[in-house]
Amino acid sequence: MSPRSLRIALIVSVLVNVFLLASIVGGVAWLHAQHPLIGAGSLRIAGAELPPAERRAFRAALREARWRMRPVALAGRQARLDASQQLRAPIVDQAALSEALARARNADIAIRQELEGRAIVFVATLPQADRTKLADGLLRRPGAQRPRECASRDGSETLARLSPVDANSHGLGSCP
């Protein structure tokens, strides 16, 4: 190998190592920043604000409720598959499609009802400060900033604890 090719190989190796190191550091920083959970339900996102011990117990309670509802979830998945097949058919059977969508909707509602019921039982055992954290978490959308107080247009009253995204969607303008 010529000195020139060795120099090029060394430069490429250094660049690759710098890239790998930067990606590792970036990944660790992202995990430590506690970004919202992607694809998580609003209850689980709300529970992210709890102290670690309560957060683990809360998530375990939700996981156990989801496990109990697994047959219902599978029935809902089958109903969506049935609806998908109806939509792909050359001629749509409206009654069958409507029935499949109703089964999927009912399964989703049953799962949510079970999860919320389990969450209610759990949060009843928490101190008020932790329940307040959960309440704030429920108001926040994934990826949105923390809720804060926003005044009405004329500034006469505080309307609600809204994120800037919610404030704008309600025509309140930006929160100061």
N, C-alpha and C. Protein backbone atom coordinates (compact mmCIF):
# COMPACT_ATOMS: atom_id res chain seq x y z
N MET A 1 0.85 -1.18 0.00
CA MET A 1 0.00 0.00 0.00
C MET A 1 0.89 1.23 0.00
N SER A 2 0.45 2.20 -0.77
CA SER A 2 1.22 3.44 -0.85
C SER A 2 0.88 4.33 0.34
N PRO A 3 1.75 5.28 0.67
CA PRO A 3 1.47 6.18 1.79
C PRO A 3 0.17 6.97 1.57
N ARG A 4 -0.13 7.30 0.35
CA ARG A 4 -1.36 8.05 0.05
C ARG A 4 -2.60 7.22 0.38
N SER A 5 -2.63 5.96 -0.01
CA SER A 5 -3.79 5.11 0.27
C SER A 5 -3.91 4.83 1.77
N LEU A 6 -2.77 4.71 2.47
CA LEU A 6 -2.82 4.53 3.92
C LEU A 6 -3.41 5.77 4.60
N ARG A 7 -3.03 6.94 4.11
CA ARG A 7 -3.54 8.19 4.67
C ARG A 7 -5.06 8.29 4.45
N ILE A 8 -5.53 7.93 3.27
CA ILE A 8 -6.97 7.96 2.97
C ILE A 8 -7.72 6.96 3.86
N ALA A 9 -7.16 5.77 4.02
CA ALA A 9 -7.80 4.76 4.88
C ALA A 9 -7.86 5.25 6.32
N LEU A 10 -6.80 5.90 6.79
CA LEU A 10 -6.78 6.43 8.15
C LEU A 10 -7.84 7.51 8.33
N ILE A 11 -7.96 8.41 7.37
CA ILE A 11 -8.96 9.48 7.44
C ILE A 11 -10.37 8.90 7.45
N VAL A 12 -10.64 7.92 6.59
CA VAL A 12 -11.95 7.28 6.54
C VAL A 12 -12.24 6.58 7.87
N SER A 13 -11.24 5.89 8.41
CA SER A 13 -11.42 5.20 9.68
C SER A 13 -11.72 6.19 10.81
N VAL A 14 -11.03 7.31 10.85
CA VAL A 14 -11.27 8.32 11.88
C VAL A 14 -12.68 8.88 11.73
N LEU A 15 -13.10 9.17 10.51
CA LEU A 15 -14.44 9.72 10.29
C LEU A 15 -15.53 8.74 10.72
N VAL A 16 -15.35 7.47 10.40
CA VAL A 16 -16.33 6.46 10.79
C VAL A 16 -16.40 6.35 12.31
N ASN A 17 -15.24 6.34 12.96
CA ASN A 17 -15.22 6.25 14.43
C ASN A 17 -15.86 7.48 15.07
N VAL A 18 -15.62 8.67 14.54
CA VAL A 18 -16.24 9.88 15.07
C VAL A 18 -17.76 9.81 14.90
N PHE A 19 -18.21 9.34 13.74
CA PHE A 19 -19.64 9.20 13.50
C PHE A 19 -20.26 8.22 14.50
N LEU A 20 -19.64 7.07 14.71
CA LEU A 20 -20.17 6.08 15.65
C LEU A 20 -20.20 6.62 17.08
N LEU A 21 -19.13 7.30 17.47
CA LEU A 21 -19.09 7.87 18.81
C LEU A 21 -20.18 8.92 19.00
N ALA A 22 -20.37 9.78 18.00
CA ALA A 22 -21.40 10.82 18.08
C ALA A 22 -22.79 10.20 18.15
N SER A 23 -23.04 9.12 17.42
CA SER A 23 -24.35 8.48 17.47
C SER A 23 -24.60 7.83 18.82
N ILE A 24 -23.58 7.24 19.42
CA ILE A 24 -23.74 6.64 20.74
C ILE A 24 -24.02 7.72 21.78
N VAL A 25 -23.25 8.79 21.74
CA VAL A 25 -23.46 9.89 22.70
C VAL A 25 -24.84 10.51 22.50
N GLY A 26 -25.25 10.70 21.25
CA GLY A 26 -26.57 11.26 20.97
C GLY A 26 -27.69 10.36 21.46
N GLY A 27 -27.54 9.06 21.29
CA GLY A 27 -28.56 8.11 21.75
C GLY A 27 -28.68 8.10 23.27
N VAL A 28 -27.55 8.14 23.95
CA VAL A 28 -27.57 8.18 25.41
C VAL A 28 -28.21 9.48 25.89
N ALA A 29 -27.84 10.60 25.26
CA ALA A 29 -28.43 11.89 25.65
C ALA A 29 -29.94 11.90 25.41
N TRP A 30 -30.38 11.31 24.31
CA TRP A 30 -31.81 11.26 24.00
C TRP A 30 -32.55 10.44 25.05
N LEU A 31 -31.97 9.31 25.45
CA LEU A 31 -32.62 8.47 26.46
C LEU A 31 -32.68 9.16 27.81
N HIS A 32 -31.62 9.88 28.18
CA HIS A 32 -31.60 10.57 29.46
C HIS A 32 -32.50 11.79 29.48
N ALA A 33 -32.86 12.32 28.32
CA ALA A 33 -33.74 13.49 28.26
C ALA A 33 -35.20 13.12 28.52
N GLN A 34 -35.48 11.82 28.62
CA GLN A 34 -36.82 11.30 28.89
C GLN A 34 -37.85 11.83 27.90
N HIS A 35 -37.60 11.57 26.63
CA HIS A 35 -38.55 11.96 25.60
C HIS A 35 -39.84 11.16 25.76
N PRO A 36 -40.95 11.71 25.27
CA PRO A 36 -42.22 10.98 25.38
C PRO A 36 -42.13 9.61 24.72
N LEU A 37 -42.89 8.68 25.23
CA LEU A 37 -42.90 7.34 24.69
C LEU A 37 -43.66 7.31 23.39
N ILE A 38 -43.01 6.81 22.36
CA ILE A 38 -43.64 6.76 21.04
C ILE A 38 -44.65 5.62 21.03
N GLY A 39 -45.87 5.94 20.58
CA GLY A 39 -46.90 4.92 20.47
C GLY A 39 -47.52 4.53 21.79
N ALA A 40 -47.23 5.21 22.83
CA ALA A 40 -47.80 4.88 24.13
C ALA A 40 -49.14 5.58 24.28
N GLY A 41 -50.00 4.98 25.07
CA GLY A 41 -51.29 5.59 25.34
C GLY A 41 -51.15 6.77 26.28
N SER A 42 -52.20 7.58 26.35
CA SER A 42 -52.14 8.79 27.17
C SER A 42 -51.96 8.46 28.65
N LEU A 43 -52.50 7.35 29.13
CA LEU A 43 -52.31 6.98 30.53
C LEU A 43 -50.85 6.67 30.82
N ARG A 44 -50.22 5.96 29.91
CA ARG A 44 -48.82 5.61 30.13
C ARG A 44 -47.94 6.86 30.06
N ILE A 45 -48.23 7.76 29.14
CA ILE A 45 -47.48 9.01 29.05
C ILE A 45 -47.68 9.83 30.31
N ALA A 46 -48.91 9.87 30.81
CA ALA A 46 -49.19 10.60 32.04
C ALA A 46 -48.41 10.00 33.20
N GLY A 47 -48.28 8.70 33.23
CA GLY A 47 -47.56 8.03 34.30
C GLY A 47 -46.07 8.27 34.28
N ALA A 48 -45.53 8.80 33.19
CA ALA A 48 -44.10 9.07 33.09
C ALA A 48 -43.66 10.14 34.08
N GLU A 49 -44.58 10.95 34.58
CA GLU A 49 -44.25 12.02 35.52
C GLU A 49 -44.18 11.54 36.96
N LEU A 50 -44.60 10.32 37.23
CA LEU A 50 -44.59 9.80 38.60
C LEU A 50 -43.17 9.50 39.06
N PRO A 51 -42.96 9.47 40.38
CA PRO A 51 -41.65 9.03 40.89
C PRO A 51 -41.37 7.59 40.42
N PRO A 52 -40.10 7.20 40.32
CA PRO A 52 -39.76 5.89 39.72
C PRO A 52 -40.50 4.68 40.30
N ALA A 53 -40.63 4.60 41.60
CA ALA A 53 -41.30 3.43 42.19
C ALA A 53 -42.78 3.38 41.80
N GLU A 54 -43.45 4.53 41.89
CA GLU A 54 -44.86 4.58 41.51
C GLU A 54 -45.03 4.37 40.01
N ARG A 55 -44.09 4.90 39.22
CA ARG A 55 -44.16 4.74 37.77
C ARG A 55 -44.09 3.26 37.40
N ARG A 56 -43.17 2.52 38.03
CA ARG A 56 -43.05 1.09 37.75
C ARG A 56 -44.34 0.36 38.15
N ALA A 57 -44.89 0.69 39.31
CA ALA A 57 -46.12 0.03 39.76
C ALA A 57 -47.29 0.38 38.85
N PHE A 58 -47.36 1.65 38.41
CA PHE A 58 -48.43 2.09 37.53
C PHE A 58 -48.36 1.34 36.19
N ARG A 59 -47.16 1.28 35.62
CA ARG A 59 -47.00 0.58 34.34
C ARG A 59 -47.26 -0.91 34.48
N ALA A 60 -46.88 -1.48 35.61
CA ALA A 60 -47.16 -2.90 35.84
C ALA A 60 -48.66 -3.15 35.92
N ALA A 61 -49.38 -2.24 36.57
CA ALA A 61 -50.85 -2.38 36.66
C ALA A 61 -51.47 -2.29 35.28
N LEU A 62 -51.00 -1.34 34.45
CA LEU A 62 -51.54 -1.22 33.10
C LEU A 62 -51.18 -2.44 32.24
N ARG A 63 -49.95 -2.92 32.41
CA ARG A 63 -49.51 -4.10 31.65
C ARG A 63 -50.36 -5.32 32.01
N GLU A 64 -50.65 -5.47 33.31
CA GLU A 64 -51.47 -6.60 33.75
C GLU A 64 -52.89 -6.49 33.19
N ALA A 65 -53.43 -5.28 33.15
CA ALA A 65 -54.77 -5.08 32.59
C ALA A 65 -54.77 -5.39 31.09
N ARG A 66 -53.72 -4.96 30.39
CA ARG A 66 -53.63 -5.27 28.95
C ARG A 66 -53.53 -6.77 28.73
N TRP A 67 -52.78 -7.45 29.59
CA TRP A 67 -52.63 -8.90 29.45
C TRP A 67 -53.97 -9.60 29.65
N ARG A 68 -54.74 -9.13 30.64
CA ARG A 68 -56.07 -9.71 30.85
C ARG A 68 -56.98 -9.48 29.65
N MET A 69 -56.77 -8.38 28.94
CA MET A 69 -57.63 -8.04 27.81
C MET A 69 -57.09 -8.56 26.47
N ARG A 70 -56.06 -9.38 26.53
CA ARG A 70 -55.43 -9.89 25.30
C ARG A 70 -56.44 -10.59 24.38
N PRO A 71 -57.32 -11.44 24.89
CA PRO A 71 -58.30 -12.08 23.99
C PRO A 71 -59.20 -11.04 23.29
N VAL A 72 -59.55 -9.99 24.00
CA VAL A 72 -60.38 -8.94 23.40
C VAL A 72 -59.58 -8.21 22.32
N ALA A 73 -58.29 -7.96 22.59
CA ALA A 73 -57.43 -7.30 21.60
C ALA A 73 -57.30 -8.16 20.35
N LEU A 74 -57.15 -9.46 20.54
CA LEU A 74 -57.05 -10.36 19.39
C LEU A 74 -58.36 -10.39 18.61
N ALA A 75 -59.48 -10.34 19.30
CA ALA A 75 -60.78 -10.29 18.61
C ALA A 75 -60.92 -8.98 17.83
N GLY A 76 -60.43 -7.88 18.40
CA GLY A 76 -60.46 -6.61 17.69
C GLY A 76 -59.58 -6.63 16.46
N ARG A 77 -58.41 -7.27 16.58
CA ARG A 77 -57.51 -7.39 15.42
C ARG A 77 -58.17 -8.23 14.33
N GLN A 78 -58.84 -9.31 14.74
CA GLN A 78 -59.54 -10.14 13.76
C GLN A 78 -60.68 -9.35 13.10
N ALA A 79 -61.37 -8.53 13.86
CA ALA A 79 -62.45 -7.71 13.30
C ALA A 79 -61.89 -6.71 12.28
N ARG A 80 -60.72 -6.11 12.57
CA ARG A 80 -60.11 -5.19 11.60
C ARG A 80 -59.67 -5.94 10.35
N LEU A 81 -59.18 -7.16 10.53
CA LEU A 81 -58.81 -7.99 9.38
C LEU A 81 -60.04 -8.31 8.54
N ASP A 82 -61.16 -8.64 9.20
CA ASP A 82 -62.41 -8.91 8.48
C ASP A 82 -62.87 -7.67 7.71
N ALA A 83 -62.76 -6.50 8.34
CA ALA A 83 -63.15 -5.26 7.67
C ALA A 83 -62.24 -5.00 6.47
N SER A 84 -60.95 -5.27 6.65
CA SER A 84 -60.00 -5.08 5.54
C SER A 84 -60.35 -6.00 4.37
N GLN A 85 -60.71 -7.23 4.67
CA GLN A 85 -61.09 -8.16 3.61
C GLN A 85 -62.36 -7.71 2.90
N GLN A 86 -63.32 -7.17 3.67
CA GLN A 86 -64.54 -6.64 3.06
C GLN A 86 -64.24 -5.49 2.11
N LEU A 87 -63.31 -4.63 2.53
CA LEU A 87 -62.95 -3.48 1.68
C LEU A 87 -62.23 -3.91 0.41
N ARG A 88 -61.52 -5.03 0.45
CA ARG A 88 -60.79 -5.52 -0.73
C ARG A 88 -61.69 -6.32 -1.68
N ALA A 89 -62.85 -6.71 -1.22
CA ALA A 89 -63.74 -7.54 -2.04
C ALA A 89 -64.23 -6.75 -3.25
N PRO A 90 -64.51 -7.44 -4.35
CA PRO A 90 -65.00 -6.75 -5.56
C PRO A 90 -66.31 -6.01 -5.30
N ILE A 91 -67.16 -6.61 -4.48
CA ILE A 91 -68.43 -5.97 -4.10
C ILE A 91 -68.46 -5.90 -2.58
N VAL A 92 -68.64 -4.69 -2.05
CA VAL A 92 -68.61 -4.49 -0.61
C VAL A 92 -69.96 -4.89 -0.01
N ASP A 93 -69.89 -5.78 0.96
CA ASP A 93 -71.07 -6.15 1.74
C ASP A 93 -71.16 -5.15 2.88
N GLN A 94 -72.01 -4.16 2.73
CA GLN A 94 -72.07 -3.07 3.69
C GLN A 94 -72.43 -3.54 5.09
N ALA A 95 -73.30 -4.49 5.20
CA ALA A 95 -73.71 -4.98 6.51
C ALA A 95 -72.54 -5.69 7.20
N ALA A 96 -71.82 -6.52 6.45
CA ALA A 96 -70.68 -7.24 7.03
C ALA A 96 -69.56 -6.27 7.40
N LEU A 97 -69.33 -5.26 6.56
CA LEU A 97 -68.30 -4.26 6.86
C LEU A 97 -68.68 -3.48 8.11
N SER A 98 -69.92 -3.08 8.20
CA SER A 98 -70.39 -2.33 9.36
C SER A 98 -70.27 -3.17 10.63
N GLU A 99 -70.61 -4.43 10.53
CA GLU A 99 -70.54 -5.34 11.68
C GLU A 99 -69.09 -5.55 12.12
N ALA A 100 -68.18 -5.72 11.17
CA ALA A 100 -66.76 -5.91 11.50
C ALA A 100 -66.19 -4.66 12.16
N LEU A 101 -66.52 -3.50 11.64
CA LEU A 101 -66.05 -2.26 12.24
C LEU A 101 -66.63 -2.05 13.63
N ALA A 102 -67.88 -2.45 13.83
CA ALA A 102 -68.51 -2.34 15.15
C ALA A 102 -67.81 -3.26 16.14
N ARG A 103 -67.46 -4.48 15.71
CA ARG A 103 -66.73 -5.40 16.59
C ARG A 103 -65.36 -4.83 16.97
N ALA A 104 -64.67 -4.24 16.00
CA ALA A 104 -63.36 -3.64 16.29
C ALA A 104 -63.51 -2.47 17.26
N ARG A 105 -64.49 -1.63 17.03
CA ARG A 105 -64.73 -0.47 17.90
C ARG A 105 -65.09 -0.92 19.31
N ASN A 106 -65.95 -1.93 19.42
CA ASN A 106 -66.35 -2.42 20.74
C ASN A 106 -65.16 -3.03 21.49
N ALA A 107 -64.28 -3.71 20.77
CA ALA A 107 -63.08 -4.27 21.41
C ALA A 107 -62.18 -3.14 21.92
N ASP A 108 -61.98 -2.11 21.10
CA ASP A 108 -61.16 -0.97 21.52
C ASP A 108 -61.74 -0.29 22.76
N ILE A 109 -63.06 -0.12 22.77
CA ILE A 109 -63.72 0.53 23.91
C ILE A 109 -63.59 -0.34 25.17
N ALA A 110 -63.75 -1.64 25.01
CA ALA A 110 -63.64 -2.54 26.17
C ALA A 110 -62.23 -2.51 26.75
N ILE A 111 -61.22 -2.49 25.89
CA ILE A 111 -59.84 -2.43 26.37
C ILE A 111 -59.58 -1.12 27.08
N ARG A 112 -60.00 -0.03 26.49
CA ARG A 112 -59.80 1.26 27.13
C ARG A 112 -60.53 1.34 28.47
N GLN A 113 -61.72 0.82 28.51
CA GLN A 113 -62.50 0.84 29.75
C GLN A 113 -61.79 0.05 30.84
N GLU A 114 -61.24 -1.11 30.50
CA GLU A 114 -60.51 -1.92 31.48
C GLU A 114 -59.25 -1.21 31.96
N LEU A 115 -58.49 -0.62 31.03
CA LEU A 115 -57.27 0.10 31.41
C LEU A 115 -57.58 1.29 32.31
N GLU A 116 -58.59 2.05 31.94
CA GLU A 116 -58.95 3.21 32.76
C GLU A 116 -59.45 2.78 34.13
N GLY A 117 -60.21 1.69 34.19
CA GLY A 117 -60.69 1.19 35.47
C GLY A 117 -59.54 0.77 36.37
N ARG A 118 -58.55 0.10 35.78
CA ARG A 118 -57.38 -0.32 36.56
C ARG A 118 -56.57 0.90 37.01
N ALA A 119 -56.48 1.90 36.15
CA ALA A 119 -55.75 3.12 36.51
C ALA A 119 -56.46 3.85 37.65
N ILE A 120 -57.77 3.86 37.63
CA ILE A 120 -58.53 4.53 38.69
C ILE A 120 -58.26 3.86 40.03
N VAL A 121 -58.26 2.54 40.05
CA VAL A 121 -57.99 1.81 41.29
C VAL A 121 -56.58 2.15 41.79
N PHE A 122 -55.61 2.23 40.87
CA PHE A 122 -54.24 2.51 41.26
C PHE A 122 -54.09 3.94 41.77
N VAL A 123 -54.60 4.91 41.02
CA VAL A 123 -54.37 6.32 41.41
C VAL A 123 -55.10 6.69 42.70
N ALA A 124 -56.11 5.94 43.06
CA ALA A 124 -56.80 6.22 44.32
C ALA A 124 -55.86 6.01 45.51
N THR A 125 -54.79 5.24 45.31
CA THR A 125 -53.84 4.97 46.39
C THR A 125 -52.71 6.00 46.44
N LEU A 126 -52.62 6.88 45.45
CA LEU A 126 -51.51 7.84 45.37
C LEU A 126 -51.79 9.10 46.18
N PRO A 127 -50.74 9.76 46.65
CA PRO A 127 -50.92 11.06 47.30
C PRO A 127 -51.35 12.10 46.27
N GLN A 128 -51.92 13.19 46.74
CA GLN A 128 -52.46 14.21 45.85
C GLN A 128 -51.40 14.78 44.91
N ALA A 129 -50.17 14.96 45.38
CA ALA A 129 -49.11 15.52 44.53
C ALA A 129 -48.87 14.64 43.31
N ASP A 130 -48.86 13.32 43.50
CA ASP A 130 -48.67 12.41 42.38
C ASP A 130 -49.89 12.39 41.46
N ARG A 131 -51.08 12.50 42.05
CA ARG A 131 -52.29 12.56 41.21
C ARG A 131 -52.29 13.83 40.36
N THR A 132 -51.76 14.92 40.90
CA THR A 132 -51.65 16.17 40.14
C THR A 132 -50.71 15.99 38.96
N LYS A 133 -49.61 15.28 39.17
CA LYS A 133 -48.68 15.01 38.07
C LYS A 133 -49.37 14.20 36.98
N LEU A 134 -50.16 13.22 37.38
CA LEU A 134 -50.91 12.43 36.39
C LEU A 134 -51.91 13.30 35.64
N ALA A 135 -52.59 14.18 36.35
CA ALA A 135 -53.57 15.07 35.72
C ALA A 135 -52.89 15.96 34.69
N ASP A 136 -51.74 16.52 35.03
CA ASP A 136 -51.00 17.35 34.08
C ASP A 136 -50.56 16.54 32.88
N GLY A 137 -50.14 15.30 33.12
CA GLY A 137 -49.71 14.43 32.03
C GLY A 137 -50.84 14.07 31.08
N LEU A 138 -52.05 13.93 31.60
CA LEU A 138 -53.19 13.62 30.74
C LEU A 138 -53.53 14.78 29.80
N LEU A 139 -53.28 16.01 30.25
CA LEU A 139 -53.60 17.17 29.42
C LEU A 139 -52.58 17.39 28.32
N ARG A 140 -51.40 16.85 28.50
CA ARG A 140 -50.33 17.08 27.54
C ARG A 140 -50.41 16.09 26.39
N ARG A 141 -50.20 16.59 25.21
CA ARG A 141 -50.13 15.74 24.03
C ARG A 141 -48.70 15.26 23.86
N PRO A 142 -48.50 14.07 23.26
CA PRO A 142 -47.14 13.62 23.02
C PRO A 142 -46.39 14.63 22.16
N GLY A 143 -45.21 15.00 22.59
CA GLY A 143 -44.39 15.93 21.83
C GLY A 143 -44.68 17.39 22.11
N ALA A 144 -45.77 17.69 22.82
CA ALA A 144 -46.10 19.09 23.11
C ALA A 144 -45.35 19.53 24.36
N GLN A 145 -45.27 20.84 24.55
CA GLN A 145 -44.60 21.36 25.74
C GLN A 145 -45.49 21.17 26.95
N ARG A 146 -44.91 21.36 28.13
CA ARG A 146 -45.66 21.23 29.38
C ARG A 146 -46.81 22.22 29.43
N PRO A 147 -47.93 21.86 30.07
CA PRO A 147 -49.04 22.79 30.20
C PRO A 147 -48.64 24.00 31.03
N ARG A 148 -49.26 25.12 30.73
CA ARG A 148 -49.06 26.33 31.53
C ARG A 148 -50.31 27.18 31.45
N GLU A 149 -50.40 28.15 32.33
CA GLU A 149 -51.58 29.00 32.40
C GLU A 149 -51.62 29.94 31.20
N CYS A 150 -52.78 30.10 30.59
CA CYS A 150 -52.95 31.03 29.47
C CYS A 150 -54.11 31.97 29.81
N ALA A 151 -53.93 33.22 29.55
CA ALA A 151 -54.97 34.21 29.85
C ALA A 151 -55.91 34.34 28.67
N SER A 152 -57.13 34.81 28.93
CA SER A 152 -58.08 35.06 27.86
C SER A 152 -57.57 36.22 27.02
N ARG A 153 -58.20 36.44 25.87
CA ARG A 153 -57.73 37.48 24.93
C ARG A 153 -57.62 38.85 25.59
N ASP A 154 -58.59 39.19 26.43
CA ASP A 154 -58.53 40.50 27.06
C ASP A 154 -57.69 40.50 28.33
N GLY A 155 -57.14 39.32 28.71
CA GLY A 155 -56.26 39.22 29.86
C GLY A 155 -56.97 39.27 31.19
N SER A 156 -58.29 39.18 31.19
CA SER A 156 -59.04 39.33 32.43
C SER A 156 -59.06 38.08 33.30
N GLU A 157 -58.88 36.92 32.71
CA GLU A 157 -58.97 35.71 33.50
C GLU A 157 -58.05 34.64 32.93
N THR A 158 -57.70 33.71 33.77
CA THR A 158 -56.92 32.56 33.33
C THR A 158 -57.90 31.49 32.90
N LEU A 159 -57.76 31.02 31.68
CA LEU A 159 -58.73 30.07 31.15
C LEU A 159 -58.45 28.64 31.58
N ALA A 160 -57.22 28.20 31.41
CA ALA A 160 -56.91 26.81 31.73
C ALA A 160 -55.42 26.61 31.63
N ARG A 161 -55.01 25.44 32.09
CA ARG A 161 -53.61 25.08 31.94
C ARG A 161 -53.50 24.41 30.57
N LEU A 162 -53.00 25.16 29.59
CA LEU A 162 -52.92 24.66 28.23
C LEU A 162 -51.49 24.73 27.72
N SER A 163 -51.15 23.79 26.83
CA SER A 163 -49.87 23.88 26.16
C SER A 163 -50.01 24.93 25.06
N PRO A 164 -48.89 25.46 24.55
CA PRO A 164 -48.98 26.44 23.46
C PRO A 164 -49.74 25.89 22.25
N VAL A 165 -49.57 24.59 21.97
CA VAL A 165 -50.28 23.99 20.84
C VAL A 165 -51.78 24.05 21.08
N ASP A 166 -52.22 23.67 22.30
CA ASP A 166 -53.64 23.71 22.62
C ASP A 166 -54.17 25.15 22.65
N ALA A 167 -53.37 26.07 23.18
CA ALA A 167 -53.80 27.47 23.25
C ALA A 167 -54.06 28.01 21.85
N ASN A 168 -53.17 27.71 20.93
CA ASN A 168 -53.35 28.18 19.55
C ASN A 168 -54.57 27.54 18.90
N SER A 169 -54.80 26.25 19.20
CA SER A 169 -55.95 25.58 18.59
C SER A 169 -57.27 26.10 19.14
N HIS A 170 -57.24 26.70 20.33
CA HIS A 170 -58.45 27.29 20.91
C HIS A 170 -58.56 28.78 20.61
N GLY A 171 -57.69 29.29 19.75
CA GLY A 171 -57.74 30.70 19.36
C GLY A 171 -57.27 31.62 20.45
N LEU A 172 -56.43 31.15 21.35
CA LEU A 172 -55.97 32.00 22.43
C LEU A 172 -54.64 32.68 22.12
N GLY A 173 -54.07 32.36 20.99
CA GLY A 173 -52.76 32.92 20.68
C GLY A 173 -51.71 32.22 21.51
N SER A 174 -50.52 32.76 21.50
CA SER A 174 -49.45 32.10 22.24
C SER A 174 -49.48 32.53 23.70
N CYS A 175 -49.11 31.62 24.55
CA CYS A 175 -49.01 31.92 25.98
C CYS A 175 -47.71 32.66 26.20
N PRO A 176 -47.70 33.70 27.03
CA PRO A 176 -46.45 34.42 27.29
C PRO A 176 -45.48 33.57 28.06
